Amino acid sequence: MSHEGKMLPPGAYKFQVKSPGEAVALIREKLGPNARVVSVNSVKPTGFLRFFKVPKLEVIAQVDGPAQQHTSLSSVSSEPALPLDELRSRLADPKPVDLPPAGLAGLLRRSGLTETALNRLQSRANWNELNNLPLHRALAETSRLLCEHAGQRLPRAPISRAAFLGAPGVGRTTALCKWLSIEVFRRDRKGHIVAVEFDQPNPMGPLQVFAEALGVPIARFPCETQRAVENGFVYFDLPGMSTRRPQDNAKLAEFLDREQITERVLVLNAAYDRPSLRDAYAAGKDLGATHLAFTHLDEVSQWGKLWDYLFDEDLEPLFISTGPSPTGDWEEDVPAAIARRTLPET
């Protein structure tokens, strides 16, 4: 129950409630049987959540008694006071929240969904039926359809010998640390890291200390790049790739092909604007990316733009990162996580 008891003129009190029944019970409990309803207003939610939440009711009630008989109610409401027993008839059930004038499509656009993702939904035979559903059911079905589209790819075996690719500053090494924590703590796997440098330095940041704490050895290339333990992992920390000059990535591509590293995780900073994301995505695709990891989602207010990248059947979503810590703040069920943030529950 949500309510607020803010003092107004003498004997008058204001409450916010969810239903007429709650208002009756609350006023009787707080003000007694002599209370009379002065005014009733609907308080609509603000911001994006106004499309999903039912408005609350603001009720102003006044206590009748000797001390209040001469109190003017003009400062509270110009409407006559109502006996408490008439509150239920005065407070009809709040109107259901209707879809905005632009319909479901307009609501999804405001949630950050791109035209590409929206076109996928609208191309389905049941789009008109979806628009005629109550809001909460339409959103639930939309969420299900988006996750269904994102899951239309052949299942792959879990990665075990993979390079982590990404532009400088996307959180590539932190993403690798998070993945190590998943492998070691959650799956109890063993393995090692190969750090690679070409003609430019590749600072490992927290990776060296973190790997040591986990008991994961780090070898610097040139070294053996195959697994050192049975069923173990080998992950490669590579220099940053270029998103604007594909020719600058020639050494990366040559290394990946020569060492026959077929699992390639593209790390994308989700906080980047859409053109920068597209450039990084295209560069990763050119380098043969097979998996996706999103970082910096704690800095993103609208996650809807990420659906476009989940529809690519060639790249499998690996995990999302919602914080800078090398451990925690990650989720592996990427479509479900993005659906929760794109389409909040009503």
Protein backbone atom coordinates (compact mmCIF):
# COMPACT_ATOMS: atom_id res chain seq x y z
CA MET A 1 0.00 0.00 0.00
CA SER A 2 1.29 3.41 -0.91
CA HIS A 3 -0.04 6.50 0.80
CA GLU A 4 1.03 9.90 1.85
CA GLY A 5 -0.33 11.88 4.80
CA LYS A 6 0.58 15.48 4.10
CA MET A 7 -1.06 18.18 6.25
CA LEU A 8 -3.19 20.67 4.31
CA PRO A 9 -5.65 23.16 5.90
CA PRO A 10 -6.75 22.23 9.43
CA GLY A 11 -8.41 18.84 9.45
CA ALA A 12 -7.60 18.04 5.80
CA TYR A 13 -5.27 15.22 4.74
CA LYS A 14 -3.98 13.95 1.41
CA PHE A 15 -3.49 10.27 0.52
CA GLN A 16 -2.20 8.44 -2.56
CA VAL A 17 -3.73 5.00 -3.04
CA LYS A 18 -4.03 2.35 -5.72
CA SER A 19 -7.77 1.62 -5.51
CA PRO A 20 -11.05 2.89 -4.04
CA GLY A 21 -11.10 0.00 -1.57
CA GLU A 22 -7.68 0.94 -0.28
CA ALA A 23 -8.78 4.59 0.07
CA VAL A 24 -11.85 3.66 2.14
CA ALA A 25 -9.86 1.41 4.46
CA LEU A 26 -7.04 3.91 4.87
CA ILE A 27 -9.27 6.92 5.59
CA ARG A 28 -11.35 5.01 8.10
CA GLU A 29 -8.21 3.76 9.83
CA LYS A 30 -6.45 7.13 9.97
CA LEU A 31 -9.32 9.64 10.25
CA GLY A 32 -12.26 7.68 11.63
CA PRO A 33 -15.94 7.43 10.60
CA ASN A 34 -16.55 11.20 10.50
CA ALA A 35 -14.14 11.80 7.61
CA ARG A 36 -15.53 13.20 4.37
CA VAL A 37 -13.94 13.10 0.92
CA VAL A 38 -13.13 16.56 -0.43
CA SER A 39 -11.48 15.78 -3.79
CA VAL A 40 -10.27 12.91 -5.93
CA ASN A 41 -7.64 13.16 -8.68
CA SER A 42 -5.74 10.71 -10.84
CA VAL A 43 -1.93 10.96 -10.50
CA LYS A 44 -0.26 9.66 -13.65
CA PRO A 45 3.26 8.16 -13.54
CA THR A 46 5.97 10.18 -15.24
CA GLY A 47 8.81 9.23 -17.58
CA PHE A 48 8.92 6.14 -19.73
CA LEU A 49 7.17 4.00 -17.09
CA ARG A 50 3.98 6.03 -17.57
CA PHE A 51 3.20 3.65 -20.44
CA PHE A 52 3.33 0.64 -18.14
CA LYS A 53 1.90 1.64 -14.76
CA VAL A 54 -1.68 2.34 -13.78
CA PRO A 55 -2.26 5.88 -12.39
CA LYS A 56 -2.66 6.23 -8.64
CA LEU A 57 -5.53 8.07 -6.96
CA GLU A 58 -4.94 11.18 -4.87
CA VAL A 59 -7.66 11.60 -2.28
CA ILE A 60 -8.10 14.59 0.03
CA ALA A 61 -10.27 13.94 3.06
CA GLN A 62 -11.44 16.22 5.88
CA VAL A 63 -12.39 15.28 9.42
CA ASP A 64 -15.77 16.64 10.50
CA GLY A 65 -15.84 17.79 14.11
CA PRO A 66 -16.43 20.85 16.26
CA ALA A 67 -13.00 22.25 15.52
CA GLN A 68 -13.48 21.97 11.77
CA GLN A 69 -17.11 23.08 11.33
CA HIS A 70 -16.14 26.58 10.22
CA THR A 71 -13.09 25.60 8.19
CA SER A 72 -13.25 26.78 4.61
CA LEU A 73 -12.61 24.09 2.02
CA SER A 74 -12.08 26.49 -0.87
CA SER A 75 -8.31 26.19 -0.52
CA VAL A 76 -8.56 22.45 -0.94
CA SER A 77 -11.23 21.93 -3.57
CA SER A 78 -14.21 23.74 -5.05
CA GLU A 79 -16.19 20.50 -5.05
CA PRO A 80 -18.60 19.63 -2.22
CA ALA A 81 -17.41 17.13 0.36
CA LEU A 82 -18.65 13.54 0.01
CA PRO A 83 -19.57 11.16 2.81
CA LEU A 84 -16.97 8.42 3.13
CA ASP A 85 -19.52 5.72 2.26
CA GLU A 86 -19.99 7.33 -1.17
CA LEU A 87 -16.28 7.09 -1.98
CA ARG A 88 -16.56 3.80 -3.87
CA SER A 89 -19.16 5.16 -6.28
CA ARG A 90 -17.21 8.38 -6.76
CA LEU A 91 -13.97 6.47 -7.37
CA ALA A 92 -14.79 4.23 -10.29
CA ASP A 93 -12.08 1.77 -11.24
CA PRO A 94 -9.23 3.63 -12.91
CA LYS A 95 -9.29 3.47 -16.68
CA PRO A 96 -6.82 0.96 -18.10
CA VAL A 97 -3.67 2.42 -19.53
CA ASP A 98 -4.22 2.66 -23.29
CA LEU A 99 -1.49 2.33 -25.84
CA PRO A 100 -0.13 5.72 -26.94
CA PRO A 101 -1.64 7.28 -30.10
CA ALA A 102 1.07 5.76 -32.29
CA GLY A 103 0.12 2.29 -31.04
CA LEU A 104 2.40 -0.49 -29.99
CA ALA A 105 4.95 0.44 -32.67
CA GLY A 106 5.32 3.94 -31.24
CA LEU A 107 5.77 2.58 -27.73
CA LEU A 108 8.48 0.18 -28.90
CA ARG A 109 10.29 2.98 -30.74
CA ARG A 110 10.34 5.04 -27.56
CA SER A 111 11.85 2.07 -25.72
CA GLY A 112 14.84 2.27 -28.10
CA LEU A 113 13.84 -0.53 -30.49
CA THR A 114 15.31 0.11 -33.94
CA GLU A 115 13.38 0.07 -37.19
CA THR A 116 15.16 -3.16 -38.15
CA ALA A 117 13.86 -4.94 -35.06
CA LEU A 118 10.43 -3.37 -35.41
CA ASN A 119 10.17 -4.46 -39.05
CA ARG A 120 10.84 -8.04 -37.99
CA LEU A 121 7.89 -7.88 -35.62
CA GLN A 122 5.58 -6.12 -38.07
CA SER A 123 6.33 -8.67 -40.79
CA ARG A 124 4.73 -11.42 -38.73
CA ALA A 125 1.20 -12.45 -39.62
CA ASN A 126 -0.06 -11.80 -36.09
CA TRP A 127 1.10 -8.17 -35.80
CA ASN A 128 -2.46 -6.77 -36.02
CA GLU A 129 -3.62 -9.28 -33.43
CA LEU A 130 -0.72 -8.21 -31.20
CA ASN A 131 -1.88 -4.58 -31.39
CA ASN A 132 -5.35 -5.53 -30.19
CA LEU A 133 -4.15 -7.26 -27.03
CA PRO A 134 -4.23 -5.53 -23.63
CA LEU A 135 -0.98 -3.67 -22.99
CA HIS A 136 0.55 -6.13 -20.54
CA ARG A 137 -0.18 -9.07 -22.83
CA ALA A 138 1.09 -7.23 -25.93
CA LEU A 139 4.38 -6.45 -24.19
CA ALA A 140 4.79 -10.00 -22.93
CA GLU A 141 4.15 -11.42 -26.40
CA THR A 142 6.51 -8.87 -27.98
CA SER A 143 9.23 -9.88 -25.54
CA ARG A 144 8.69 -13.55 -26.39
CA LEU A 145 8.85 -12.88 -30.14
CA LEU A 146 12.05 -10.85 -29.87
CA CYS A 147 13.75 -13.60 -27.85
CA GLU A 148 12.50 -16.16 -30.37
CA HIS A 149 14.04 -14.20 -33.26
CA ALA A 150 17.29 -13.83 -31.33
CA GLY A 151 17.47 -17.56 -30.71
CA GLN A 152 17.16 -18.69 -34.32
CA ARG A 153 20.65 -20.09 -34.76
CA LEU A 154 22.26 -23.50 -34.61
CA PRO A 155 23.58 -24.25 -31.10
CA ARG A 156 27.34 -24.20 -30.66
CA ALA A 157 29.56 -26.04 -28.21
CA PRO A 158 30.85 -23.91 -25.30
CA ILE A 159 33.97 -21.95 -26.19
CA SER A 160 37.32 -23.24 -24.98
CA ARG A 161 39.99 -21.78 -27.31
CA ALA A 162 38.93 -18.27 -28.19
CA ALA A 163 40.39 -14.84 -28.93
CA PHE A 164 38.78 -11.72 -27.48
CA LEU A 165 38.55 -8.95 -30.08
CA GLY A 166 37.58 -5.33 -29.70
CA ALA A 167 38.55 -1.73 -30.28
CA PRO A 168 40.70 0.04 -27.67
CA GLY A 169 38.64 1.23 -24.72
CA VAL A 170 35.67 -1.13 -25.10
CA GLY A 171 36.55 -3.11 -21.97
CA ARG A 172 37.94 -6.11 -23.86
CA THR A 173 40.38 -7.17 -21.13
CA THR A 174 37.78 -6.66 -18.38
CA ALA A 175 35.36 -8.79 -20.40
CA LEU A 176 38.01 -11.51 -20.53
CA CYS A 177 38.44 -11.26 -16.75
CA LYS A 178 34.70 -11.70 -16.26
CA TRP A 179 34.68 -14.71 -18.53
CA LEU A 180 37.59 -16.22 -16.59
CA SER A 181 35.62 -15.82 -13.37
CA ILE A 182 32.70 -17.67 -14.98
CA GLU A 183 34.96 -20.47 -16.16
CA VAL A 184 36.90 -20.88 -12.90
CA PHE A 185 34.26 -20.16 -10.24
CA ARG A 186 31.12 -21.42 -11.94
CA ARG A 187 32.40 -24.23 -14.14
CA ASP A 188 35.53 -25.20 -12.21
CA ARG A 189 37.60 -25.28 -15.39
CA LYS A 190 41.36 -24.89 -15.73
CA GLY A 191 43.46 -23.37 -18.49
CA HIS A 192 45.76 -20.51 -19.36
CA ILE A 193 45.91 -17.14 -21.14
CA VAL A 194 48.07 -16.18 -24.09
CA ALA A 195 48.93 -12.47 -24.27
CA VAL A 196 49.79 -11.31 -27.79
CA GLU A 197 51.59 -8.18 -28.99
CA PHE A 198 52.54 -7.22 -32.52
CA ASP A 199 54.27 -3.93 -33.32
CA GLN A 200 52.27 -2.17 -30.60
CA PRO A 201 52.12 -2.78 -26.84
CA ASN A 202 49.15 -4.62 -25.40
CA PRO A 203 48.77 -3.53 -21.77
CA MET A 204 46.93 -6.22 -19.82
CA GLY A 205 45.59 -3.90 -17.14
CA PRO A 206 43.97 -5.92 -14.32
CA LEU A 207 44.24 -9.20 -16.23
CA GLN A 208 47.69 -10.17 -14.95
CA VAL A 209 46.84 -9.66 -11.26
CA PHE A 210 43.37 -11.16 -11.64
CA ALA A 211 44.62 -14.26 -13.47
CA GLU A 212 47.27 -14.79 -10.82
CA ALA A 213 44.62 -14.58 -8.10
CA LEU A 214 42.60 -17.24 -9.93
CA GLY A 215 45.60 -19.44 -10.45
CA VAL A 216 45.40 -19.05 -14.24
CA PRO A 217 48.86 -18.85 -15.89
CA ILE A 218 49.61 -16.20 -18.54
CA ALA A 219 52.07 -16.92 -21.34
CA ARG A 220 53.35 -14.31 -23.77
CA PHE A 221 53.39 -15.13 -27.46
CA PRO A 222 55.38 -16.68 -29.08
CA CYS A 223 54.46 -19.73 -27.02
CA GLU A 224 52.36 -22.86 -27.26
CA THR A 225 48.80 -21.90 -28.15
CA GLN A 226 47.13 -25.27 -27.67
CA ARG A 227 45.46 -26.39 -24.47
CA ALA A 228 47.85 -27.37 -21.70
CA VAL A 229 45.36 -29.47 -19.71
CA GLU A 230 42.74 -31.94 -20.89
CA ASN A 231 39.35 -30.26 -21.43
CA GLY A 232 40.95 -26.99 -20.39
CA PHE A 233 40.70 -23.56 -22.00
CA VAL A 234 43.06 -21.21 -23.80
CA TYR A 235 41.99 -17.59 -24.20
CA PHE A 236 43.90 -14.98 -26.18
CA ASP A 237 44.28 -11.36 -25.11
CA LEU A 238 44.98 -9.47 -28.35
CA PRO A 239 45.81 -5.85 -29.19
CA GLY A 240 42.91 -3.58 -30.01
CA MET A 241 41.49 -3.73 -33.51
CA SER A 242 40.85 -0.74 -35.77
CA THR A 243 37.24 0.12 -36.61
CA ARG A 244 38.03 2.64 -39.35
CA ARG A 245 41.03 1.17 -41.20
CA PRO A 246 40.52 -2.53 -42.02
CA GLN A 247 44.06 -2.76 -43.39
CA ASP A 248 45.37 -2.12 -39.85
CA ASN A 249 43.84 -5.40 -38.74
CA ALA A 250 45.85 -7.52 -41.19
CA LYS A 251 48.24 -8.82 -38.50
CA LEU A 252 45.33 -9.75 -36.25
CA ALA A 253 43.67 -11.68 -39.06
CA GLU A 254 46.93 -13.37 -40.01
CA PHE A 255 47.57 -14.48 -36.42
CA LEU A 256 44.04 -15.85 -35.95
CA ASP A 257 44.19 -17.84 -39.17
CA ARG A 258 47.74 -19.10 -38.69
CA GLU A 259 47.04 -20.35 -35.16
CA GLN A 260 43.68 -21.76 -36.30
CA ILE A 261 41.71 -19.90 -33.63
CA THR A 262 38.16 -20.41 -34.85
CA GLU A 263 36.34 -19.05 -31.78
CA ARG A 264 36.48 -15.27 -31.82
CA VAL A 265 34.58 -13.17 -29.27
CA LEU A 266 33.77 -9.63 -30.41
CA VAL A 267 33.49 -7.26 -27.43
CA LEU A 268 31.25 -4.24 -28.05
CA ASN A 269 30.84 -1.19 -25.81
CA ALA A 270 27.06 -0.84 -25.66
CA ALA A 271 27.37 2.80 -24.55
CA TYR A 272 28.77 3.78 -27.97
CA ASP A 273 26.46 5.58 -30.36
CA ARG A 274 24.87 3.56 -33.13
CA PRO A 275 27.32 4.51 -35.93
CA SER A 276 30.31 3.61 -33.73
CA LEU A 277 28.67 0.31 -32.76
CA ARG A 278 28.04 -0.51 -36.42
CA ASP A 279 31.67 0.27 -37.35
CA ALA A 280 33.01 -1.96 -34.57
CA TYR A 281 30.57 -4.71 -35.47
CA ALA A 282 31.58 -4.61 -39.12
CA ALA A 283 35.28 -4.74 -38.20
CA GLY A 284 34.65 -7.74 -35.95
CA LYS A 285 32.71 -9.51 -38.68
CA ASP A 286 35.62 -8.94 -41.07
CA LEU A 287 37.87 -10.67 -38.52
CA GLY A 288 35.56 -13.67 -38.41
CA ALA A 289 33.83 -13.02 -35.08
CA THR A 290 31.72 -15.95 -33.87
CA HIS A 291 30.44 -14.66 -30.51
CA LEU A 292 29.34 -11.36 -28.96
CA ALA A 293 29.92 -9.81 -25.54
CA PHE A 294 28.44 -6.42 -24.57
CA THR A 295 30.08 -4.16 -21.98
CA HIS A 296 29.22 -0.88 -20.20
CA LEU A 297 25.49 -1.64 -20.07
CA ASP A 298 25.36 0.13 -16.71
CA GLU A 299 25.88 3.35 -18.71
CA VAL A 300 23.06 2.65 -21.19
CA SER A 301 19.51 3.89 -20.56
CA GLN A 302 17.91 2.20 -23.60
CA TRP A 303 18.98 -1.31 -24.50
CA GLY A 304 16.64 -1.69 -27.48
CA LYS A 305 19.34 -0.87 -30.04
CA LEU A 306 21.14 -4.11 -29.16
CA TRP A 307 18.43 -6.35 -30.62
CA ASP A 308 19.81 -5.79 -34.13
CA TYR A 309 23.03 -7.57 -33.18
CA LEU A 310 21.20 -10.52 -31.64
CA PHE A 311 19.41 -11.28 -34.90
CA ASP A 312 22.66 -12.14 -36.71
CA GLU A 313 22.67 -15.92 -36.84
CA ASP A 314 26.45 -16.01 -37.41
CA LEU A 315 27.29 -14.48 -34.01
CA GLU A 316 26.18 -16.09 -30.79
CA PRO A 317 25.62 -13.83 -27.76
CA LEU A 318 28.03 -14.89 -25.01
CA PHE A 319 27.27 -12.54 -22.12
CA ILE A 320 26.58 -8.95 -21.13
CA SER A 321 28.51 -6.90 -18.59
CA THR A 322 26.77 -4.36 -16.39
CA GLY A 323 29.68 -3.12 -14.30
CA PRO A 324 33.46 -2.60 -14.24
CA SER A 325 34.28 -5.28 -11.67
CA PRO A 326 36.30 -8.24 -13.01
CA THR A 327 33.85 -10.53 -11.20
CA GLY A 328 30.06 -10.41 -11.14
CA ASP A 329 27.82 -7.92 -12.94
CA TRP A 330 27.27 -10.25 -15.89
CA GLU A 331 24.48 -12.33 -17.42
CA GLU A 332 24.77 -15.15 -19.94
CA ASP A 333 21.13 -15.21 -21.10
CA VAL A 334 21.56 -12.12 -23.26
CA PRO A 335 18.14 -12.00 -25.01
CA ALA A 336 16.25 -12.40 -21.73
CA ALA A 337 18.34 -9.68 -20.04
CA ILE A 338 17.80 -7.23 -22.90
CA ALA A 339 14.08 -8.07 -23.05
CA ARG A 340 13.68 -7.18 -19.36
CA ARG A 341 15.25 -3.77 -19.93
CA THR A 342 13.55 -3.11 -23.27
CA LEU A 343 10.06 -4.06 -22.12
CA PRO A 344 9.69 -3.53 -18.35
CA GLU A 345 7.08 -5.58 -16.56
CA THR A 346 3.76 -3.84 -16.03
